[in-house]
Amino acid sequence: MIDVALTETPVQEPQRIRGLEMPWNRVMGSLEGPASAAKALGPWHPQEFMAECVETVPEAGGMMTFVFRRCDGAPLAFRAGQYVNIAFPVNGEDQEPVDRSYSLSSSPTEPWTFSVTVKKDPGGLVSPWVHENVRPGTVLDMLGPVGAFHLPDADRRARYLFLAAGAGITPIMSMLRTIHDLPGTADVVVLYHGAEAGGFAFHRELAYIASVDSRVKVFYALGDRGMPEAWEGFKGRLSAAMIDEVAPDANGRQVYACGPEGYLNTATELLKKVGVDDTSIYMEFFSGDRQTLLEYQAELALAADIAEEIAEEIAESAEDYFESQPAAFGIYEPGYDEDGTLQATGMPLVAADGEAPAAAEAAPETAAPDASSFDTVGTGSLTLSFMRTGINVRIDPDLPILEVAQRAGVRIGANCKEGMCGSCKVVKLSGEIDMNHQGGIRKREIDAGKFLPCCSTARTDMVIDA
């Protein structure tokens, strides 16, 4: 083996086009009828699909990256920063799965596989199960991509400040990987808070990107806990002085922040102090986040007008894409309709002797309570009858059902209150609703009569099992 002394020579900066543009942006906006294969790689509406784990990668800070590919062979087209909702059979294959939403940490520029990175919470129900049971070959039911927290499809200025704390690095990592993969001018500052010096996930890749991509600068900070003497990063909690030091021009940047709620509440106030306008702040957390929520509501309004047209185009482009592939490729072609990918139904369930299972002996029927005997509270043009609670609640059609129900004393668990986590899921026995969710409920659950009252309004009188 011959030792070679490498000397560093000055390298000129690359010449780049102005700004950033996502690969699908021109395709989706083309007036010339873009090729179907290219359209298939553009971001779609959320779909339900099965995905197989193909790799697991341990990360620092008690985190693990799980790499998946779709079982139908299609790419997962998403925007950097979005997430998927995954059904985990934590209680066994024969029990109802537990849904959790995890941000995508991979880049949409490599859509044939995708990654989620999960931090293990020793006291949690799902994350320990994921770390211990999801291995290459594991197949899981997913819904996505979902979420309005993402990079724009095109940005002529592309000047960003990314703030991350703990596991909040995962969607930020997707954004950073995407920018690194794309040509174009950009100016990116990352400020990453961690609990301990050895607990920064992706630190090797972050160091590499910052060393080879002059558009990116990465800074680290440790909180108020003890830190090693050799620590060269920032010390202490997020502060206005810290933001001003890493990005003195923060008021001229788009700010994307992700982390615990307390961290993001602090970031909101500090960003105001350094002059960042509300319209330039995008946050990912479960408690009603400013611009992201406004953007999502706007997307819903637009989707109501064009949903049918888009769905038809998606189905048509997907079919054309698979039909256009050479037979030698041997690509599996999934079924598509206006709702997206069709799932396989499998074999019908029959008893071991070939006969239908005998019905269990019927339990004596008990008379259902009569809602007309319940007390009625509130005002409004419609009535919600909560059968378990034994109360009628009056409501106006424009008010969220959860908010009104909880004020009336109906006990319904809820975390995010934005249609993301699914914790408020209840059964609708009768009546009609309008529901605008962000991936917290699946089609099979909706078909079974379940809905999310946090993001639903009543269209008629309703009877609810709560």
Protein backbone atom coordinates (compact mmCIF):
# COMPACT_ATOMS: atom_id res chain seq x y z
CA MET A 1 0.00 0.00 0.00
CA ILE A 2 1.42 3.39 -1.01
CA ASP A 3 0.81 6.41 1.16
CA VAL A 4 -0.27 9.42 -0.84
CA ALA A 5 -0.05 12.88 0.68
CA LEU A 6 -3.17 14.80 -0.27
CA THR A 7 -2.87 18.55 -0.44
CA GLU A 8 -5.94 20.74 -0.50
CA THR A 9 -6.03 23.11 -3.44
CA PRO A 10 -8.44 26.03 -3.83
CA VAL A 11 -11.63 25.05 -5.62
CA GLN A 12 -13.84 27.54 -7.40
CA GLU A 13 -17.49 27.76 -6.43
CA PRO A 14 -19.90 25.99 -8.83
CA GLN A 15 -21.91 28.16 -11.18
CA ARG A 16 -25.60 27.57 -10.45
CA ILE A 17 -29.00 28.56 -11.73
CA ARG A 18 -30.93 30.97 -9.56
CA GLY A 19 -33.07 29.54 -6.77
CA LEU A 20 -34.38 26.02 -6.17
CA GLU A 21 -37.00 24.11 -8.09
CA MET A 22 -38.32 20.67 -7.20
CA PRO A 23 -37.95 18.05 -9.96
CA TRP A 24 -41.69 17.71 -10.48
CA ASN A 25 -42.52 21.43 -10.59
CA ARG A 26 -42.14 21.99 -14.33
CA VAL A 27 -43.70 18.65 -15.12
CA MET A 28 -46.83 19.36 -13.10
CA GLY A 29 -47.14 22.83 -14.60
CA SER A 30 -46.36 21.90 -18.19
CA LEU A 31 -48.82 22.87 -20.92
CA GLU A 32 -47.31 20.41 -23.39
CA GLY A 33 -48.75 17.24 -21.85
CA PRO A 34 -45.82 15.88 -19.77
CA ALA A 35 -44.81 12.26 -20.07
CA SER A 36 -46.81 9.93 -17.85
CA ALA A 37 -43.73 8.46 -16.19
CA ALA A 38 -42.66 11.95 -15.12
CA LYS A 39 -46.15 12.77 -13.84
CA ALA A 40 -46.10 9.61 -11.75
CA LEU A 41 -43.15 11.05 -9.79
CA GLY A 42 -44.99 14.23 -8.85
CA PRO A 43 -46.54 14.60 -5.37
CA TRP A 44 -49.95 12.93 -5.18
CA HIS A 45 -52.76 13.11 -2.71
CA PRO A 46 -52.46 10.73 0.27
CA GLN A 47 -52.82 7.05 -0.62
CA GLU A 48 -53.12 3.88 1.39
CA PHE A 49 -50.43 1.37 0.46
CA MET A 50 -48.36 -1.50 1.82
CA ALA A 51 -44.60 -1.02 2.28
CA GLU A 52 -41.79 -3.45 3.04
CA CYS A 53 -38.84 -2.60 5.27
CA VAL A 54 -35.59 -3.18 3.37
CA GLU A 55 -33.01 -1.75 5.79
CA THR A 56 -32.59 -0.50 9.36
CA VAL A 57 -29.91 2.02 10.32
CA PRO A 58 -29.08 2.79 13.97
CA GLU A 59 -28.70 6.53 14.63
CA ALA A 60 -27.33 8.49 17.59
CA GLY A 61 -29.68 9.73 20.30
CA GLY A 62 -31.71 6.52 20.63
CA MET A 63 -33.07 6.81 17.10
CA MET A 64 -33.37 4.28 14.28
CA THR A 65 -33.91 4.87 10.57
CA PHE A 66 -36.20 2.41 8.77
CA VAL A 67 -35.92 2.28 4.97
CA PHE A 68 -39.02 1.10 3.07
CA ARG A 69 -40.18 0.48 -0.48
CA ARG A 70 -43.77 0.23 -1.67
CA CYS A 71 -44.99 -3.32 -2.23
CA ASP A 72 -46.77 -2.29 -5.44
CA GLY A 73 -43.48 -1.15 -6.99
CA ALA A 74 -44.57 2.49 -7.33
CA PRO A 75 -42.44 5.40 -6.11
CA LEU A 76 -43.52 7.36 -3.05
CA ALA A 77 -43.91 10.89 -4.35
CA PHE A 78 -43.82 13.44 -1.51
CA ARG A 79 -42.57 16.87 -0.55
CA ALA A 80 -39.62 17.27 1.81
CA GLY A 81 -41.01 17.71 5.32
CA GLN A 82 -44.18 15.61 4.94
CA TYR A 83 -44.96 12.47 6.92
CA VAL A 84 -46.68 9.09 6.63
CA ASN A 85 -49.18 7.46 8.97
CA ILE A 86 -48.22 3.85 9.75
CA ALA A 87 -50.37 1.08 11.28
CA PHE A 88 -48.31 -1.02 13.71
CA PRO A 89 -49.64 -4.41 14.94
CA VAL A 90 -48.26 -3.86 18.44
CA ASN A 91 -50.98 -6.01 20.03
CA GLY A 92 -50.74 -8.86 17.51
CA GLU A 93 -51.78 -9.42 13.92
CA ASP A 94 -55.34 -10.34 14.94
CA GLN A 95 -55.88 -7.10 16.89
CA GLU A 96 -56.64 -3.56 15.76
CA PRO A 97 -53.34 -1.87 14.77
CA VAL A 98 -52.08 1.29 16.47
CA ASP A 99 -51.51 4.23 14.13
CA ARG A 100 -48.61 6.64 14.47
CA SER A 101 -47.40 9.45 12.19
CA TYR A 102 -43.67 9.73 11.45
CA SER A 103 -41.89 12.35 9.37
CA LEU A 104 -40.07 11.19 6.27
CA SER A 105 -36.34 11.74 6.72
CA SER A 106 -35.27 10.79 3.19
CA SER A 107 -35.28 13.00 0.10
CA PRO A 108 -38.09 12.87 -2.50
CA THR A 109 -35.37 13.06 -5.16
CA GLU A 110 -34.84 9.32 -4.50
CA PRO A 111 -38.47 8.13 -4.45
CA TRP A 112 -38.05 4.38 -4.99
CA THR A 113 -37.24 3.94 -1.32
CA PHE A 114 -38.17 6.19 1.57
CA SER A 115 -37.18 6.44 5.21
CA VAL A 116 -38.69 7.29 8.57
CA THR A 117 -36.55 7.83 11.66
CA VAL A 118 -38.06 6.84 15.01
CA LYS A 119 -36.81 7.89 18.45
CA LYS A 120 -37.28 5.18 21.07
CA ASP A 121 -39.32 6.25 24.08
CA PRO A 122 -38.78 3.54 26.73
CA GLY A 123 -42.15 4.29 28.30
CA GLY A 124 -44.04 4.46 25.02
CA LEU A 125 -46.36 1.90 23.46
CA VAL A 126 -45.27 2.03 19.82
CA SER A 127 -41.66 3.21 19.47
CA PRO A 128 -40.13 0.38 21.58
CA TRP A 129 -42.13 -2.14 19.55
CA VAL A 130 -40.90 -0.55 16.31
CA HIS A 131 -37.26 -0.69 17.40
CA GLU A 132 -37.53 -4.31 18.51
CA ASN A 133 -39.78 -5.78 15.81
CA VAL A 134 -39.49 -3.91 12.49
CA ARG A 135 -36.77 -5.60 10.46
CA PRO A 136 -35.99 -6.07 6.74
CA GLY A 137 -38.96 -8.02 5.37
CA THR A 138 -41.55 -6.50 7.73
CA VAL A 139 -44.61 -5.29 5.77
CA LEU A 140 -46.75 -2.47 7.17
CA ASP A 141 -49.90 -0.63 6.13
CA MET A 142 -49.29 3.08 5.45
CA LEU A 143 -51.16 6.24 4.51
CA GLY A 144 -49.42 9.22 2.95
CA PRO A 145 -47.80 11.47 2.12
CA VAL A 146 -49.53 13.96 4.41
CA GLY A 147 -48.81 17.40 5.81
CA ALA A 148 -48.44 21.06 4.85
CA PHE A 149 -45.04 21.45 6.55
CA HIS A 150 -42.74 21.20 3.52
CA LEU A 151 -40.43 23.11 1.22
CA PRO A 152 -42.04 25.07 -1.63
CA ASP A 153 -42.06 23.57 -5.12
CA ALA A 154 -40.09 26.58 -6.37
CA ASP A 155 -38.24 29.37 -4.57
CA ARG A 156 -36.24 32.03 -6.42
CA ARG A 157 -34.50 33.22 -3.21
CA ALA A 158 -34.16 29.92 -1.29
CA ARG A 159 -32.81 31.43 1.92
CA TYR A 160 -33.70 29.23 4.91
CA LEU A 161 -33.14 28.93 8.64
CA PHE A 162 -33.80 25.40 9.94
CA LEU A 163 -34.35 25.04 13.70
CA ALA A 164 -34.45 21.50 15.11
CA ALA A 165 -34.49 19.98 18.58
CA GLY A 166 -34.17 16.26 19.33
CA ALA A 167 -36.26 14.11 17.02
CA GLY A 168 -37.38 17.27 15.23
CA ILE A 169 -34.33 16.84 13.02
CA THR A 170 -36.13 14.20 10.91
CA PRO A 171 -38.22 16.43 8.57
CA ILE A 172 -35.39 18.98 8.56
CA MET A 173 -33.05 16.21 7.37
CA SER A 174 -35.41 15.48 4.49
CA MET A 175 -35.33 19.15 3.51
CA LEU A 176 -31.56 19.40 3.79
CA ARG A 177 -30.96 16.24 1.76
CA THR A 178 -33.33 17.54 -0.90
CA ILE A 179 -31.57 20.90 -1.19
CA HIS A 180 -28.18 19.17 -1.32
CA ASP A 181 -29.42 16.95 -4.19
CA LEU A 182 -30.75 19.86 -6.27
CA PRO A 183 -28.90 22.39 -8.42
CA GLY A 184 -29.50 26.05 -7.87
CA THR A 185 -28.49 28.82 -5.50
CA ALA A 186 -29.50 28.52 -1.86
CA ASP A 187 -28.41 29.77 1.55
CA VAL A 188 -29.23 27.35 4.38
CA VAL A 189 -28.43 27.65 8.09
CA VAL A 190 -29.21 24.73 10.43
CA LEU A 191 -29.30 25.17 14.23
CA TYR A 192 -29.68 21.77 15.90
CA HIS A 193 -30.32 21.44 19.65
CA GLY A 194 -29.51 18.16 21.42
CA ALA A 195 -29.61 16.80 24.95
CA GLU A 196 -26.08 15.38 24.99
CA ALA A 197 -22.93 15.73 22.92
CA GLY A 198 -23.15 12.19 21.53
CA GLY A 199 -26.86 12.32 20.82
CA PHE A 200 -27.06 14.25 17.54
CA ALA A 201 -28.64 11.98 14.92
CA PHE A 202 -27.21 12.21 11.38
CA HIS A 203 -24.18 14.15 12.68
CA ARG A 204 -21.76 12.45 10.26
CA GLU A 205 -23.94 13.18 7.24
CA LEU A 206 -24.58 16.73 8.42
CA ALA A 207 -20.83 17.28 8.72
CA TYR A 208 -20.27 15.84 5.25
CA ILE A 209 -22.95 17.96 3.59
CA ALA A 210 -21.62 21.12 5.26
CA SER A 211 -18.08 20.25 4.15
CA VAL A 212 -18.88 19.73 0.46
CA ASP A 213 -21.87 22.04 -0.08
CA SER A 214 -21.01 25.70 0.43
CA ARG A 215 -24.71 26.56 0.50
CA VAL A 216 -25.15 24.85 3.90
CA LYS A 217 -23.92 25.79 7.39
CA VAL A 218 -24.68 23.58 10.41
CA PHE A 219 -24.47 24.66 14.08
CA TYR A 220 -25.02 22.55 17.19
CA ALA A 221 -26.22 23.53 20.65
CA LEU A 222 -26.55 21.71 23.97
CA GLY A 223 -29.14 22.70 26.55
CA ASP A 224 -28.60 23.55 30.19
CA ARG A 225 -27.34 20.10 31.16
CA GLY A 226 -23.68 19.24 31.75
CA MET A 227 -21.46 19.23 28.69
CA PRO A 228 -17.93 18.05 27.96
CA GLU A 229 -15.09 20.54 28.34
CA ALA A 230 -14.12 20.13 24.70
CA TRP A 231 -17.58 21.15 23.45
CA GLU A 232 -17.22 23.81 20.75
CA GLY A 233 -20.87 24.36 19.90
CA PHE A 234 -23.43 26.67 21.47
CA LYS A 235 -24.39 26.30 25.11
CA GLY A 236 -27.81 26.81 26.64
CA ARG A 237 -31.36 26.94 25.41
CA LEU A 238 -32.46 28.66 22.23
CA SER A 239 -32.15 32.43 22.54
CA ALA A 240 -32.46 35.52 20.39
CA ALA A 241 -28.70 36.05 20.68
CA MET A 242 -28.07 32.52 19.44
CA ILE A 243 -30.36 33.00 16.44
CA ASP A 244 -28.75 36.36 15.70
CA GLU A 245 -25.27 34.84 15.79
CA VAL A 246 -25.97 31.99 13.34
CA ALA A 247 -28.32 34.01 11.11
CA PRO A 248 -28.07 37.78 11.64
CA ASP A 249 -30.33 38.13 8.59
CA ALA A 250 -33.02 35.81 9.99
CA ASN A 251 -35.73 38.33 9.13
CA GLY A 252 -34.90 37.77 5.47
CA ARG A 253 -35.21 33.97 5.62
CA GLN A 254 -37.97 31.40 5.58
CA VAL A 255 -37.83 29.61 8.94
CA TYR A 256 -38.71 25.92 9.33
CA ALA A 257 -38.73 24.61 12.90
CA CYS A 258 -39.52 21.21 14.37
CA GLY A 259 -39.23 19.89 17.91
CA PRO A 260 -41.04 19.61 21.25
CA GLU A 261 -43.91 22.04 21.84
CA GLY A 262 -42.05 24.02 24.49
CA TYR A 263 -39.08 24.51 22.17
CA LEU A 264 -41.32 25.71 19.35
CA ASN A 265 -43.30 28.07 21.58
CA THR A 266 -39.99 29.61 22.64
CA ALA A 267 -38.82 29.77 19.02
CA THR A 268 -42.01 31.59 18.02
CA GLU A 269 -41.43 34.37 20.54
CA LEU A 270 -37.71 34.64 19.77
CA LEU A 271 -38.27 34.83 16.03
CA LYS A 272 -40.62 37.75 16.62
CA LYS A 273 -37.88 39.49 18.61
CA VAL A 274 -35.38 39.17 15.78
CA GLY A 275 -37.89 40.52 13.28
CA VAL A 276 -39.12 37.42 11.46
CA ASP A 277 -42.64 37.90 10.13
CA ASP A 278 -45.33 35.35 10.99
CA THR A 279 -45.78 34.56 7.31
CA SER A 280 -42.16 33.34 7.12
CA ILE A 281 -42.46 30.87 10.02
CA TYR A 282 -43.38 27.22 9.43
CA MET A 283 -43.58 24.83 12.35
CA GLU A 284 -44.29 21.13 12.81
CA PHE A 285 -45.91 20.33 16.14
CA PHE A 286 -49.26 19.08 17.43
CA SER A 287 -50.91 22.21 18.71
CA GLY A 288 -52.12 24.51 15.99
CA ASP A 289 -49.15 25.94 14.18
CA ARG A 290 -49.64 29.27 12.52
CA GLN A 291 -48.74 29.30 8.84
CA THR A 292 -48.77 25.52 8.38
CA LEU A 293 -52.37 25.28 9.53
CA LEU A 294 -53.38 28.24 7.36
CA GLU A 295 -51.69 26.66 4.35
CA TYR A 296 -53.37 23.33 5.02
CA GLN A 297 -56.80 24.97 5.23
CA ALA A 298 -56.12 26.73 1.93
CA GLU A 299 -55.12 23.42 0.36
CA LEU A 300 -58.37 21.87 1.55
CA ALA A 301 -60.42 24.69 0.04
CA LEU A 302 -58.61 24.32 -3.28
CA ALA A 303 -58.90 20.53 -3.18
CA ALA A 304 -62.66 20.75 -2.79
CA ASP A 305 -62.85 22.47 -6.19
CA ILE A 306 -60.44 20.28 -8.16
CA ALA A 307 -60.32 16.95 -6.30
CA GLU A 308 -62.25 14.97 -8.90
CA GLU A 309 -60.20 16.30 -11.81
CA ILE A 310 -56.88 15.62 -10.05
CA ALA A 311 -57.91 12.11 -9.02
CA GLU A 312 -58.83 11.21 -12.58
CA GLU A 313 -55.46 12.52 -13.83
CA ILE A 314 -53.61 10.54 -11.16
CA ALA A 315 -55.34 7.30 -12.10
CA GLU A 316 -54.78 7.89 -15.81
CA SER A 317 -51.11 8.89 -15.48
CA ALA A 318 -50.32 5.93 -13.24
CA GLU A 319 -51.92 3.47 -15.67
CA ASP A 320 -50.09 5.06 -18.61
CA TYR A 321 -46.79 4.92 -16.75
CA PHE A 322 -46.91 1.17 -16.12
CA GLU A 323 -48.31 0.41 -19.59
CA SER A 324 -45.40 2.32 -21.16
CA GLN A 325 -42.69 0.19 -19.53
CA PRO A 326 -40.94 -2.47 -21.67
CA ALA A 327 -42.15 -5.97 -20.89
CA ALA A 328 -38.57 -7.01 -20.09
CA PHE A 329 -38.63 -4.74 -17.03
CA GLY A 330 -41.11 -7.10 -15.40
CA ILE A 331 -42.63 -4.26 -13.36
CA TYR A 332 -45.64 -5.25 -11.28
CA GLU A 333 -48.58 -3.10 -12.21
CA PRO A 334 -50.89 -2.28 -9.31
CA GLY A 335 -54.56 -1.55 -9.89
CA TYR A 336 -55.66 2.09 -9.86
CA ASP A 337 -58.93 3.91 -9.69
CA GLU A 338 -59.87 7.53 -8.99
CA ASP A 339 -58.94 7.03 -5.31
CA GLY A 340 -55.40 5.84 -6.07
CA THR A 341 -53.75 2.44 -5.61
CA LEU A 342 -56.02 -0.57 -5.19
CA GLN A 343 -55.01 -2.97 -2.43
CA ALA A 344 -55.07 -6.75 -2.89
CA THR A 345 -57.97 -8.40 -1.08
CA GLY A 346 -56.37 -11.81 -0.44
CA MET A 347 -58.17 -15.15 -0.04
CA PRO A 348 -61.61 -15.32 1.58
CA LEU A 349 -61.58 -16.47 5.18
CA VAL A 350 -63.23 -19.88 5.73
CA ALA A 351 -63.31 -22.33 8.62
CA ALA A 352 -60.81 -25.21 8.62
CA ASP A 353 -63.51 -27.73 7.60
CA GLY A 354 -64.50 -25.58 4.65
CA GLU A 355 -67.74 -24.40 6.19
CA ALA A 356 -68.57 -20.95 7.37
CA PRO A 357 -67.74 -20.37 11.03
CA ALA A 358 -70.69 -20.86 13.31
CA ALA A 359 -72.10 -17.69 14.77
CA ALA A 360 -71.49 -17.20 18.45
CA GLU A 361 -74.49 -17.62 20.67
CA ALA A 362 -76.24 -14.29 20.73
CA ALA A 363 -76.19 -12.41 23.98
CA PRO A 364 -79.51 -11.15 25.30
CA GLU A 365 -80.31 -7.85 23.66
CA THR A 366 -80.49 -4.79 25.84
CA ALA A 367 -82.64 -1.88 24.83
CA ALA A 368 -80.68 1.03 23.41
CA PRO A 369 -81.10 4.25 25.39
CA ASP A 370 -83.65 6.69 24.03
CA ALA A 371 -81.93 9.95 23.11
CA SER A 372 -85.21 11.82 23.53
CA SER A 373 -84.90 11.31 27.28
CA PHE A 374 -81.42 12.93 27.45
CA ASP A 375 -80.86 16.44 28.75
CA THR A 376 -80.15 18.96 25.98
CA VAL A 377 -77.50 21.66 26.29
CA GLY A 378 -76.07 24.38 24.08
CA THR A 379 -77.43 26.31 21.13
CA GLY A 380 -77.38 25.65 17.41
CA SER A 381 -79.46 24.36 14.54
CA LEU A 382 -78.36 20.70 14.80
CA THR A 383 -78.39 18.09 17.57
CA LEU A 384 -75.60 15.68 18.50
CA SER A 385 -76.79 12.75 20.62
CA PHE A 386 -73.94 11.18 22.62
CA MET A 387 -75.21 7.73 23.60
CA ARG A 388 -72.59 6.71 26.18
CA THR A 389 -72.61 10.09 27.92
CA GLY A 390 -76.39 10.38 27.74
CA ILE A 391 -76.62 13.96 26.56
CA ASN A 392 -77.87 15.93 23.55
CA VAL A 393 -75.68 18.82 22.45
CA ARG A 394 -76.89 21.55 20.11
CA ILE A 395 -74.32 22.70 17.52
CA ASP A 396 -74.03 25.01 14.53
CA PRO A 397 -72.80 23.42 11.26
CA ASP A 398 -69.61 25.50 11.12
CA LEU A 399 -68.23 24.46 14.54
CA PRO A 400 -65.82 21.52 15.13
CA ILE A 401 -67.68 18.66 16.83
CA LEU A 402 -64.89 17.93 19.32
CA GLU A 403 -64.72 21.46 20.66
CA VAL A 404 -68.47 21.64 21.31
CA ALA A 405 -68.63 18.11 22.74
CA GLN A 406 -65.82 18.71 25.22
CA ARG A 407 -67.40 21.98 26.40
CA ALA A 408 -70.58 20.01 27.12
CA GLY A 409 -68.68 17.49 29.24
CA VAL A 410 -68.41 14.63 26.74
CA ARG A 411 -65.17 12.74 27.43
CA ILE A 412 -63.28 12.28 24.16
CA GLY A 413 -59.49 11.93 24.22
CA ALA A 414 -57.57 14.26 21.92
CA ASN A 415 -53.96 15.28 21.34
CA CYS A 416 -53.25 17.19 18.12
CA LYS A 417 -56.77 18.49 17.38
CA GLU A 418 -55.81 18.82 13.71
CA GLY A 419 -56.78 15.43 12.27
CA MET A 420 -53.25 14.06 12.44
CA CYS A 421 -52.88 11.75 15.45
CA GLY A 422 -56.23 9.92 15.40
CA SER A 423 -56.58 9.91 19.20
CA CYS A 424 -60.12 11.39 19.17
CA LYS A 425 -61.55 8.70 16.87
CA VAL A 426 -65.19 7.80 17.63
CA VAL A 427 -68.03 5.90 15.92
CA LYS A 428 -70.84 7.70 14.09
CA LEU A 429 -74.06 5.70 14.49
CA SER A 430 -76.08 7.99 12.23
CA GLY A 431 -75.86 11.37 10.56
CA GLU A 432 -73.63 13.09 8.01
CA ILE A 433 -70.38 15.02 8.51
CA ASP A 434 -67.74 16.96 6.63
CA MET A 435 -64.26 15.76 7.69
CA ASN A 436 -60.94 17.31 6.63
CA HIS A 437 -58.19 15.20 8.21
CA GLN A 438 -54.41 15.06 7.81
CA GLY A 439 -53.92 11.30 7.83
CA GLY A 440 -55.24 10.44 11.29
CA ILE A 441 -57.84 8.00 9.98
CA ARG A 442 -57.90 5.33 7.29
CA LYS A 443 -60.49 4.46 4.66
CA ARG A 444 -61.33 1.14 6.32
CA GLU A 445 -62.09 2.99 9.54
CA ILE A 446 -64.23 5.58 7.76
CA ASP A 447 -66.11 2.75 6.03
CA ALA A 448 -66.71 1.23 9.48
CA GLY A 449 -68.38 4.46 10.64
CA LYS A 450 -65.48 6.04 12.51
CA PHE A 451 -64.56 9.72 12.24
CA LEU A 452 -62.34 12.38 13.83
CA PRO A 453 -64.51 14.96 15.64
CA CYS A 454 -61.56 17.38 15.94
CA CYS A 455 -61.64 18.12 12.20
CA SER A 456 -65.30 17.36 11.47
CA THR A 457 -68.43 19.47 11.28
CA ALA A 458 -71.99 18.18 11.32
CA ARG A 459 -74.20 18.39 8.24
CA THR A 460 -77.25 16.79 9.88
CA ASP A 461 -78.42 15.70 13.31
CA MET A 462 -76.12 12.94 14.55
CA VAL A 463 -75.99 9.98 16.92
CA ILE A 464 -72.47 9.31 18.24
CA ASP A 465 -71.11 6.42 20.29
CA ALA A 466 -69.36 8.53 22.90
